[in-house]
């Protein structure tokens, strides 16, 4: 996570490292504002077409489901946190 944060900051500060501090702050503010506007539009578009998760998250969930389809939860009791897991003999393509 630290690496991603540093890469993000480096991307924002790209080409402005030798500017005066006021210019750096204004450029950083402008670039961050532009990013939030673009990302907000993407999220609004996803909500309008009723996507629950991002595409990469959906793909990750489907991959995990296809790998874990040999077990099935039969019973689940939330109060005592007990459940029964059954192993399925025939693999099902998801």
PDB file of N, CA and C in Angstrom:
ATOM      1  N   UNK A   1       0.823  -1.186   0.000  1.00  0.00           N
ATOM      2  CA  UNK A   1       0.000   0.000   0.000  1.00  0.00           C
ATOM      3  C   UNK A   1       0.870   1.253   0.000  1.00  0.00           C
ATOM      4  N   UNK A   2       1.981   1.224   0.696  1.00  0.00           N
ATOM      5  CA  UNK A   2       2.870   2.378   0.724  1.00  0.00           C
ATOM      6  C   UNK A   2       3.419   2.666  -0.664  1.00  0.00           C
ATOM      7  N   UNK A   3       3.767   1.612  -1.392  1.00  0.00           N
ATOM      8  CA  UNK A   3       4.295   1.786  -2.741  1.00  0.00           C
ATOM      9  C   UNK A   3       3.265   2.456  -3.637  1.00  0.00           C
ATOM     10  N   UNK A   4       2.010   2.026  -3.555  1.00  0.00           N
ATOM     11  CA  UNK A   4       0.961   2.635  -4.363  1.00  0.00           C
ATOM     12  C   UNK A   4       0.783   4.104  -4.021  1.00  0.00           C
ATOM     13  N   UNK A   5       0.863   4.445  -2.745  1.00  0.00           N
ATOM     14  CA  UNK A   5       0.729   5.834  -2.320  1.00  0.00           C
ATOM     15  C   UNK A   5       1.867   6.676  -2.878  1.00  0.00           C
ATOM     16  N   UNK A   6       3.082   6.163  -2.790  1.00  0.00           N
ATOM     17  CA  UNK A   6       4.241   6.900  -3.298  1.00  0.00           C
ATOM     18  C   UNK A   6       4.146   7.072  -4.802  1.00  0.00           C
ATOM     19  N   UNK A   7       3.727   6.029  -5.510  1.00  0.00           N
ATOM     20  CA  UNK A   7       3.571   6.135  -6.956  1.00  0.00           C
ATOM     21  C   UNK A   7       2.505   7.160  -7.315  1.00  0.00           C
ATOM     22  N   UNK A   8       1.434   7.213  -6.548  1.00  0.00           N
ATOM     23  CA  UNK A   8       0.384   8.195  -6.801  1.00  0.00           C
ATOM     24  C   UNK A   8       0.891   9.614  -6.587  1.00  0.00           C
ATOM     25  N   UNK A   9       1.630   9.818  -5.510  1.00  0.00           N
ATOM     26  CA  UNK A   9       2.182  11.149  -5.234  1.00  0.00           C
ATOM     27  C   UNK A   9       3.185  11.533  -6.314  1.00  0.00           C
ATOM     28  N   UNK A  10       4.020  10.600  -6.737  1.00  0.00           N
ATOM     29  CA  UNK A  10       4.976  10.887  -7.809  1.00  0.00           C
ATOM     30  C   UNK A  10       4.266  11.265  -9.098  1.00  0.00           C
ATOM     31  N   UNK A  11       3.147  10.618  -9.384  1.00  0.00           N
ATOM     32  CA  UNK A  11       2.386  10.940 -10.582  1.00  0.00           C
ATOM     33  C   UNK A  11       1.821  12.355 -10.508  1.00  0.00           C
ATOM     34  N   UNK A  12       1.335  12.734  -9.334  1.00  0.00           N
ATOM     35  CA  UNK A  12       0.786  14.082  -9.162  1.00  0.00           C
ATOM     36  C   UNK A  12       1.892  15.130  -9.283  1.00  0.00           C
ATOM     37  N   UNK A  13       3.070  14.839  -8.737  1.00  0.00           N
ATOM     38  CA  UNK A  13       4.165  15.812  -8.726  1.00  0.00           C
ATOM     39  C   UNK A  13       5.041  15.768  -9.977  1.00  0.00           C
ATOM     40  N   UNK A  14       4.667  14.957 -10.940  1.00  0.00           N
ATOM     41  CA  UNK A  14       5.464  14.820 -12.148  1.00  0.00           C
ATOM     42  C   UNK A  14       5.546  16.169 -12.872  1.00  0.00           C
ATOM     43  N   UNK A  15       6.730  16.552 -13.290  1.00  0.00           N
ATOM     44  CA  UNK A  15       7.020  17.768 -14.062  1.00  0.00           C
ATOM     45  C   UNK A  15       6.837  19.067 -13.287  1.00  0.00           C
ATOM     46  N   UNK A  16       6.612  19.013 -11.971  1.00  0.00           N
ATOM     47  CA  UNK A  16       6.465  20.269 -11.228  1.00  0.00           C
ATOM     48  C   UNK A  16       7.452  20.362 -10.072  1.00  0.00           C
ATOM     49  N   UNK A  17       8.440  19.521 -10.042  1.00  0.00           N
ATOM     50  CA  UNK A  17       9.355  19.473  -8.898  1.00  0.00           C
ATOM     51  C   UNK A  17      10.197  20.737  -8.739  1.00  0.00           C
ATOM     52  N   UNK A  18      10.486  21.459  -9.804  1.00  0.00           N
ATOM     53  CA  UNK A  18      11.346  22.641  -9.717  1.00  0.00           C
ATOM     54  C   UNK A  18      10.560  23.945  -9.677  1.00  0.00           C
ATOM     55  N   UNK A  19       9.264  23.873  -9.508  1.00  0.00           N
ATOM     56  CA  UNK A  19       8.440  25.081  -9.446  1.00  0.00           C
ATOM     57  C   UNK A  19       8.439  25.653  -8.031  1.00  0.00           C
ATOM     58  N   UNK A  20       8.071  26.926  -7.889  1.00  0.00           N
ATOM     59  CA  UNK A  20       7.898  27.492  -6.546  1.00  0.00           C
ATOM     60  C   UNK A  20       6.778  26.772  -5.801  1.00  0.00           C
ATOM     61  N   UNK A  21       6.799  26.863  -4.475  1.00  0.00           N
ATOM     62  CA  UNK A  21       5.867  26.103  -3.645  1.00  0.00           C
ATOM     63  C   UNK A  21       4.412  26.445  -3.952  1.00  0.00           C
ATOM     64  N   UNK A  22       4.103  27.723  -4.190  1.00  0.00           N
ATOM     65  CA  UNK A  22       2.712  28.108  -4.492  1.00  0.00           C
ATOM     66  C   UNK A  22       2.228  27.446  -5.777  1.00  0.00           C
ATOM     67  N   UNK A  23       3.094  27.423  -6.771  1.00  0.00           N
ATOM     68  CA  UNK A  23       2.731  26.774  -8.034  1.00  0.00           C
ATOM     69  C   UNK A  23       2.566  25.270  -7.852  1.00  0.00           C
ATOM     70  N   UNK A  24       3.427  24.669  -7.026  1.00  0.00           N
ATOM     71  CA  UNK A  24       3.306  23.232  -6.764  1.00  0.00           C
ATOM     72  C   UNK A  24       1.977  22.910  -6.088  1.00  0.00           C
ATOM     73  N   UNK A  25       1.599  23.722  -5.113  1.00  0.00           N
ATOM     74  CA  UNK A  25       0.339  23.489  -4.398  1.00  0.00           C
ATOM     75  C   UNK A  25      -0.843  23.654  -5.335  1.00  0.00           C
ATOM     76  N   UNK A  26      -0.830  24.702  -6.156  1.00  0.00           N
ATOM     77  CA  UNK A  26      -1.937  24.940  -7.085  1.00  0.00           C
ATOM     78  C   UNK A  26      -2.037  23.809  -8.114  1.00  0.00           C
ATOM     79  N   UNK A  27      -0.903  23.373  -8.641  1.00  0.00           N
ATOM     80  CA  UNK A  27      -0.906  22.279  -9.618  1.00  0.00           C
ATOM     81  C   UNK A  27      -1.385  20.984  -8.976  1.00  0.00           C
ATOM     82  N   UNK A  28      -0.927  20.706  -7.761  1.00  0.00           N
ATOM     83  CA  UNK A  28      -1.365  19.506  -7.045  1.00  0.00           C
ATOM     84  C   UNK A  28      -2.864  19.543  -6.810  1.00  0.00           C
ATOM     85  N   UNK A  29      -3.376  20.682  -6.375  1.00  0.00           N
ATOM     86  CA  UNK A  29      -4.816  20.837  -6.151  1.00  0.00           C
ATOM     87  C   UNK A  29      -5.587  20.615  -7.448  1.00  0.00           C
ATOM     88  N   UNK A  30      -5.123  21.213  -8.534  1.00  0.00           N
ATOM     89  CA  UNK A  30      -5.807  21.088  -9.827  1.00  0.00           C
ATOM     90  C   UNK A  30      -5.818  19.640 -10.303  1.00  0.00           C
ATOM     91  N   UNK A  31      -4.688  18.962 -10.204  1.00  0.00           N
ATOM     92  CA  UNK A  31      -4.616  17.565 -10.664  1.00  0.00           C
ATOM     93  C   UNK A  31      -5.478  16.643  -9.804  1.00  0.00           C
ATOM     94  N   UNK A  32      -5.455  16.849  -8.492  1.00  0.00           N
ATOM     95  CA  UNK A  32      -6.291  16.025  -7.607  1.00  0.00           C
ATOM     96  C   UNK A  32      -7.772  16.273  -7.882  1.00  0.00           C
ATOM     97  N   UNK A  33      -8.135  17.526  -8.086  1.00  0.00           N
ATOM     98  CA  UNK A  33      -9.521  17.866  -8.397  1.00  0.00           C
ATOM     99  C   UNK A  33      -9.953  17.209  -9.705  1.00  0.00           C
ATOM    100  N   UNK A  34      -9.082  17.250 -10.717  1.00  0.00           N
ATOM    101  CA  UNK A  34      -9.375  16.618 -12.007  1.00  0.00           C
ATOM    102  C   UNK A  34      -9.581  15.111 -11.829  1.00  0.00           C
ATOM    103  N   UNK A  35      -8.714  14.482 -11.026  1.00  0.00           N
ATOM    104  CA  UNK A  35      -8.838  13.045 -10.775  1.00  0.00           C
ATOM    105  C   UNK A  35     -10.174  12.715 -10.112  1.00  0.00           C
ATOM    106  N   UNK A  36     -10.554  13.487  -9.083  1.00  0.00           N
ATOM    107  CA  UNK A  36     -11.801  13.213  -8.379  1.00  0.00           C
ATOM    108  C   UNK A  36     -13.009  13.412  -9.286  1.00  0.00           C
ATOM    109  N   UNK A  37     -12.974  14.400 -10.158  1.00  0.00           N
ATOM    110  CA  UNK A  37     -14.083  14.621 -11.091  1.00  0.00           C
ATOM    111  C   UNK A  37     -14.196  13.447 -12.059  1.00  0.00           C
ATOM    112  N   UNK A  38     -13.059  13.024 -12.647  1.00  0.00           N
ATOM    113  CA  UNK A  38     -13.076  11.889 -13.584  1.00  0.00           C
ATOM    114  C   UNK A  38     -13.544  10.614 -12.896  1.00  0.00           C
ATOM    115  N   UNK A  39     -13.020  10.361 -11.710  1.00  0.00           N
ATOM    116  CA  UNK A  39     -13.388   9.139 -10.981  1.00  0.00           C
ATOM    117  C   UNK A  39     -14.853   9.177 -10.574  1.00  0.00           C
ATOM    118  N   UNK A  40     -15.347  10.343 -10.195  1.00  0.00           N
ATOM    119  CA  UNK A  40     -16.758  10.489  -9.848  1.00  0.00           C
ATOM    120  C   UNK A  40     -17.665  10.174 -11.023  1.00  0.00           C
ATOM    121  N   UNK A  41     -17.269  10.616 -12.221  1.00  0.00           N
ATOM    122  CA  UNK A  41     -18.058  10.319 -13.422  1.00  0.00           C
ATOM    123  C   UNK A  41     -18.068   8.818 -13.707  1.00  0.00           C
ATOM    124  N   UNK A  42     -16.910   8.160 -13.529  1.00  0.00           N
ATOM    125  CA  UNK A  42     -16.837   6.709 -13.738  1.00  0.00           C
ATOM    126  C   UNK A  42     -17.748   5.972 -12.762  1.00  0.00           C
ATOM    127  N   UNK A  43     -17.718   6.377 -11.511  1.00  0.00           N
ATOM    128  CA  UNK A  43     -18.545   5.724 -10.489  1.00  0.00           C
ATOM    129  C   UNK A  43     -20.021   5.964 -10.772  1.00  0.00           C
ATOM    130  N   UNK A  44     -20.395   7.175 -11.161  1.00  0.00           N
ATOM    131  CA  UNK A  44     -21.791   7.461 -11.509  1.00  0.00           C
ATOM    132  C   UNK A  44     -22.258   6.592 -12.671  1.00  0.00           C
ATOM    133  N   UNK A  45     -21.396   6.419 -13.676  1.00  0.00           N
ATOM    134  CA  UNK A  45     -21.747   5.566 -14.812  1.00  0.00           C
ATOM    135  C   UNK A  45     -21.936   4.118 -14.371  1.00  0.00           C
ATOM    136  N   UNK A  46     -21.076   3.641 -13.474  1.00  0.00           N
ATOM    137  CA  UNK A  46     -21.210   2.270 -12.974  1.00  0.00           C
ATOM    138  C   UNK A  46     -22.494   2.103 -12.176  1.00  0.00           C
ATOM    139  N   UNK A  47     -22.833   3.094 -11.378  1.00  0.00           N
ATOM    140  CA  UNK A  47     -24.062   3.024 -10.583  1.00  0.00           C
ATOM    141  C   UNK A  47     -25.282   3.028 -11.493  1.00  0.00           C
ATOM    142  N   UNK A  48     -25.240   3.821 -12.561  1.00  0.00           N
ATOM    143  CA  UNK A  48     -26.377   3.901 -13.484  1.00  0.00           C
ATOM    144  C   UNK A  48     -26.646   2.584 -14.197  1.00  0.00           C
ATOM    145  N   UNK A  49     -25.607   1.787 -14.460  1.00  0.00           N
ATOM    146  CA  UNK A  49     -25.811   0.483 -15.096  1.00  0.00           C
ATOM    147  C   UNK A  49     -25.870  -0.629 -14.062  1.00  0.00           C
ATOM    148  N   UNK A  50     -26.027  -0.246 -12.790  1.00  0.00           N
ATOM    149  CA  UNK A  50     -26.251  -1.162 -11.672  1.00  0.00           C
ATOM    150  C   UNK A  50     -25.115  -2.160 -11.456  1.00  0.00           C
ATOM    151  N   UNK A  51     -23.867  -1.704 -11.627  1.00  0.00           N
ATOM    152  CA  UNK A  51     -22.720  -2.535 -11.270  1.00  0.00           C
ATOM    153  C   UNK A  51     -22.553  -2.475  -9.765  1.00  0.00           C
ATOM    154  N   UNK A  52     -22.346  -3.629  -9.158  1.00  0.00           N
ATOM    155  CA  UNK A  52     -22.165  -3.672  -7.714  1.00  0.00           C
ATOM    156  C   UNK A  52     -20.709  -3.425  -7.327  1.00  0.00           C
ATOM    157  N   UNK A  53     -19.785  -3.968  -8.123  1.00  0.00           N
ATOM    158  CA  UNK A  53     -18.358  -3.839  -7.844  1.00  0.00           C
ATOM    159  C   UNK A  53     -17.632  -3.383  -9.102  1.00  0.00           C
ATOM    160  N   UNK A  54     -16.366  -3.006  -8.947  1.00  0.00           N
ATOM    161  CA  UNK A  54     -15.523  -2.711 -10.096  1.00  0.00           C
ATOM    162  C   UNK A  54     -15.314  -3.987 -10.898  1.00  0.00           C
ATOM    163  N   UNK A  55     -14.944  -3.835 -12.170  1.00  0.00           N
ATOM    164  CA  UNK A  55     -14.746  -5.007 -13.030  1.00  0.00           C
ATOM    165  C   UNK A  55     -13.664  -5.933 -12.479  1.00  0.00           C
ATOM    166  N   UNK A  56     -12.568  -5.368 -12.006  1.00  0.00           N
ATOM    167  CA  UNK A  56     -11.479  -6.202 -11.489  1.00  0.00           C
ATOM    168  C   UNK A  56     -11.910  -6.945 -10.227  1.00  0.00           C
ATOM    169  N   UNK A  57     -12.741  -6.306  -9.404  1.00  0.00           N
ATOM    170  CA  UNK A  57     -13.236  -6.957  -8.193  1.00  0.00           C
ATOM    171  C   UNK A  57     -14.193  -8.080  -8.554  1.00  0.00           C
ATOM    172  N   UNK A  58     -15.080  -7.837  -9.508  1.00  0.00           N
ATOM    173  CA  UNK A  58     -16.011  -8.867  -9.960  1.00  0.00           C
ATOM    174  C   UNK A  58     -15.250 -10.066 -10.514  1.00  0.00           C
ATOM    175  N   UNK A  59     -14.207  -9.819 -11.310  1.00  0.00           N
ATOM    176  CA  UNK A  59     -13.399 -10.906 -11.865  1.00  0.00           C
ATOM    177  C   UNK A  59     -12.721 -11.701 -10.748  1.00  0.00           C
ATOM    178  N   UNK A  60     -12.199 -11.012  -9.746  1.00  0.00           N
ATOM    179  CA  UNK A  60     -11.545 -11.685  -8.622  1.00  0.00           C
ATOM    180  C   UNK A  60     -12.531 -12.558  -7.859  1.00  0.00           C
ATOM    181  N   UNK A  61     -13.735 -12.057  -7.638  1.00  0.00           N
ATOM    182  CA  UNK A  61     -14.765 -12.829  -6.929  1.00  0.00           C
ATOM    183  C   UNK A  61     -15.151 -14.063  -7.731  1.00  0.00           C
ATOM    184  N   UNK A  62     -15.353 -13.903  -9.038  1.00  0.00           N
ATOM    185  CA  UNK A  62     -15.725 -15.046  -9.879  1.00  0.00           C
ATOM    186  C   UNK A  62     -14.607 -16.087  -9.929  1.00  0.00           C
ATOM    187  N   UNK A  63     -13.354 -15.641  -9.995  1.00  0.00           N
ATOM    188  CA  UNK A  63     -12.227 -16.577  -9.974  1.00  0.00           C
ATOM    189  C   UNK A  63     -12.190 -17.358  -8.665  1.00  0.00           C
ATOM    190  N   UNK A  64     -12.406 -16.670  -7.558  1.00  0.00           N
ATOM    191  CA  UNK A  64     -12.405 -17.338  -6.250  1.00  0.00           C
ATOM    192  C   UNK A  64     -13.562 -18.323  -6.147  1.00  0.00           C
ATOM    193  N   UNK A  65     -14.733 -17.958  -6.687  1.00  0.00           N
ATOM    194  CA  UNK A  65     -15.885 -18.869  -6.663  1.00  0.00           C
ATOM    195  C   UNK A  65     -15.608 -20.117  -7.483  1.00  0.00           C
ATOM    196  N   UNK A  66     -14.984 -19.955  -8.641  1.00  0.00           N
ATOM    197  CA  UNK A  66     -14.722 -21.124  -9.482  1.00  0.00           C
ATOM    198  C   UNK A  66     -13.696 -22.054  -8.839  1.00  0.00           C
ATOM    199  N   UNK A  67     -12.773 -21.504  -8.062  1.00  0.00           N
ATOM    200  CA  UNK A  67     -11.781 -22.338  -7.381  1.00  0.00           C
ATOM    201  C   UNK A  67     -12.350 -22.999  -6.132  1.00  0.00           C
ATOM    202  N   UNK A  68     -13.356 -22.393  -5.535  1.00  0.00           N
ATOM    203  CA  UNK A  68     -13.887 -22.885  -4.265  1.00  0.00           C
ATOM    204  C   UNK A  68     -15.254 -23.539  -4.416  1.00  0.00           C
ATOM    205  N   UNK A  69     -15.569 -24.048  -5.591  1.00  0.00           N
ATOM    206  CA  UNK A  69     -16.910 -24.604  -5.788  1.00  0.00           C
ATOM    207  C   UNK A  69     -17.031 -26.062  -5.354  1.00  0.00           C
ATOM    208  N   UNK A  70     -16.039 -26.604  -4.665  1.00  0.00           N
ATOM    209  CA  UNK A  70     -16.146 -27.984  -4.189  1.00  0.00           C
ATOM    210  C   UNK A  70     -16.755 -28.060  -2.797  1.00  0.00           C
ATOM    211  N   UNK A  71     -16.995 -26.925  -2.173  1.00  0.00           N
ATOM    212  CA  UNK A  71     -17.606 -26.897  -0.846  1.00  0.00           C
ATOM    213  C   UNK A  71     -18.866 -26.043  -0.887  1.00  0.00           C
ATOM    214  N   UNK A  72     -19.832 -26.470  -0.095  1.00  0.00           N
ATOM    215  CA  UNK A  72     -21.098 -25.748  -0.054  1.00  0.00           C
ATOM    216  C   UNK A  72     -21.550 -25.646   1.395  1.00  0.00           C
ATOM    217  N   UNK A  73     -21.960 -24.456   1.802  1.00  0.00           N
ATOM    218  CA  UNK A  73     -22.445 -24.250   3.166  1.00  0.00           C
ATOM    219  C   UNK A  73     -23.897 -24.693   3.225  1.00  0.00           C
ATOM    220  N   UNK A  74     -24.192 -25.649   4.106  1.00  0.00           N
ATOM    221  CA  UNK A  74     -25.540 -26.193   4.235  1.00  0.00           C
ATOM    222  C   UNK A  74     -26.355 -25.383   5.237  1.00  0.00           C
ATOM    223  N   UNK A  75     -25.829 -25.222   6.441  1.00  0.00           N
ATOM    224  CA  UNK A  75     -26.566 -24.558   7.508  1.00  0.00           C
ATOM    225  C   UNK A  75     -25.670 -23.506   8.136  1.00  0.00           C
ATOM    226  N   UNK A  76     -26.269 -22.382   8.498  1.00  0.00           N
ATOM    227  CA  UNK A  76     -25.497 -21.342   9.159  1.00  0.00           C
ATOM    228  C   UNK A  76     -26.356 -20.721  10.239  1.00  0.00           C
ATOM    229  N   UNK A  77     -25.826 -20.716  11.456  1.00  0.00           N
ATOM    230  CA  UNK A  77     -26.528 -20.129  12.592  1.00  0.00           C
ATOM    231  C   UNK A  77     -25.736 -18.919  13.063  1.00  0.00           C
ATOM    232  N   UNK A  78     -26.274 -17.727  12.839  1.00  0.00           N
ATOM    233  CA  UNK A  78     -25.539 -16.503  13.165  1.00  0.00           C
ATOM    234  C   UNK A  78     -25.343 -16.312  14.661  1.00  0.00           C
ATOM    235  N   UNK A  79     -26.302 -16.745  15.458  1.00  0.00           N
ATOM    236  CA  UNK A  79     -26.187 -16.502  16.901  1.00  0.00           C
ATOM    237  C   UNK A  79     -25.062 -17.305  17.530  1.00  0.00           C
ATOM    238  N   UNK A  80     -24.913 -18.558  17.121  1.00  0.00           N
ATOM    239  CA  UNK A  80     -23.845 -19.386  17.691  1.00  0.00           C
ATOM    240  C   UNK A  80     -22.646 -19.525  16.747  1.00  0.00           C
ATOM    241  N   UNK A  81     -22.708 -18.868  15.614  1.00  0.00           N
ATOM    242  CA  UNK A  81     -21.655 -18.914  14.581  1.00  0.00           C
ATOM    243  C   UNK A  81     -21.238 -20.342  14.244  1.00  0.00           C
ATOM    244  N   UNK A  82     -22.237 -21.188  14.022  1.00  0.00           N
ATOM    245  CA  UNK A  82     -21.978 -22.571  13.614  1.00  0.00           C
ATOM    246  C   UNK A  82     -22.522 -22.778  12.203  1.00  0.00           C
ATOM    247  N   UNK A  83     -21.806 -23.597  11.447  1.00  0.00           N
ATOM    248  CA  UNK A  83     -22.258 -23.906  10.106  1.00  0.00           C
ATOM    249  C   UNK A  83     -21.791 -25.292   9.721  1.00  0.00           C
ATOM    250  N   UNK A  84     -22.412 -25.834   8.695  1.00  0.00           N
ATOM    251  CA  UNK A  84     -22.084 -27.161   8.204  1.00  0.00           C
ATOM    252  C   UNK A  84     -21.635 -27.018   6.757  1.00  0.00           C
ATOM    253  N   UNK A  85     -20.501 -27.612   6.438  1.00  0.00           N
ATOM    254  CA  UNK A  85     -19.958 -27.523   5.089  1.00  0.00           C
ATOM    255  C   UNK A  85     -19.996 -28.907   4.464  1.00  0.00           C
ATOM    256  N   UNK A  86     -20.513 -28.983   3.248  1.00  0.00           N
ATOM    257  CA  UNK A  86     -20.595 -30.248   2.521  1.00  0.00           C
ATOM    258  C   UNK A  86     -19.639 -30.180   1.335  1.00  0.00           C
ATOM    259  N   UNK A  87     -18.894 -31.257   1.127  1.00  0.00           N
ATOM    260  CA  UNK A  87     -17.999 -31.306  -0.019  1.00  0.00           C
ATOM    261  C   UNK A  87     -18.747 -31.909  -1.204  1.00  0.00           C
ATOM    262  N   UNK A  88     -18.739 -31.204  -2.307  1.00  0.00           N
ATOM    263  CA  UNK A  88     -19.441 -31.635  -3.514  1.00  0.00           C
ATOM    264  C   UNK A  88     -18.488 -32.504  -4.332  1.00  0.00           C
ATOM    265  N   UNK A  89     -18.992 -33.643  -4.822  1.00  0.00           N
ATOM    266  CA  UNK A  89     -18.154 -34.569  -5.573  1.00  0.00           C
ATOM    267  C   UNK A  89     -17.942 -34.118  -7.017  1.00  0.00           C
ATOM    268  N   UNK A  90     -18.974 -33.526  -7.625  1.00  0.00           N
ATOM    269  CA  UNK A  90     -18.902 -33.116  -9.029  1.00  0.00           C
ATOM    270  C   UNK A  90     -18.671 -31.612  -9.094  1.00  0.00           C
ATOM    271  N   UNK A  91     -17.615 -31.217  -9.764  1.00  0.00           N
ATOM    272  CA  UNK A  91     -17.327 -29.795  -9.894  1.00  0.00           C
ATOM    273  C   UNK A  91     -18.348 -29.141 -10.812  1.00  0.00           C
ATOM    274  N   UNK A  92     -18.765 -27.966 -10.458  1.00  0.00           N
ATOM    275  CA  UNK A  92     -19.740 -27.217 -11.247  1.00  0.00           C
ATOM    276  C   UNK A  92     -19.042 -25.989 -11.801  1.00  0.00           C
ATOM    277  N   UNK A  93     -19.154 -25.773 -13.104  1.00  0.00           N
ATOM    278  CA  UNK A  93     -18.577 -24.571 -13.710  1.00  0.00           C
ATOM    279  C   UNK A  93     -19.430 -23.380 -13.350  1.00  0.00           C
ATOM    280  N   UNK A  94     -18.790 -22.322 -12.875  1.00  0.00           N
ATOM    281  CA  UNK A  94     -19.509 -21.100 -12.498  1.00  0.00           C
ATOM    282  C   UNK A  94     -19.350 -20.083 -13.583  1.00  0.00           C
TER     283      UNK A  94
END
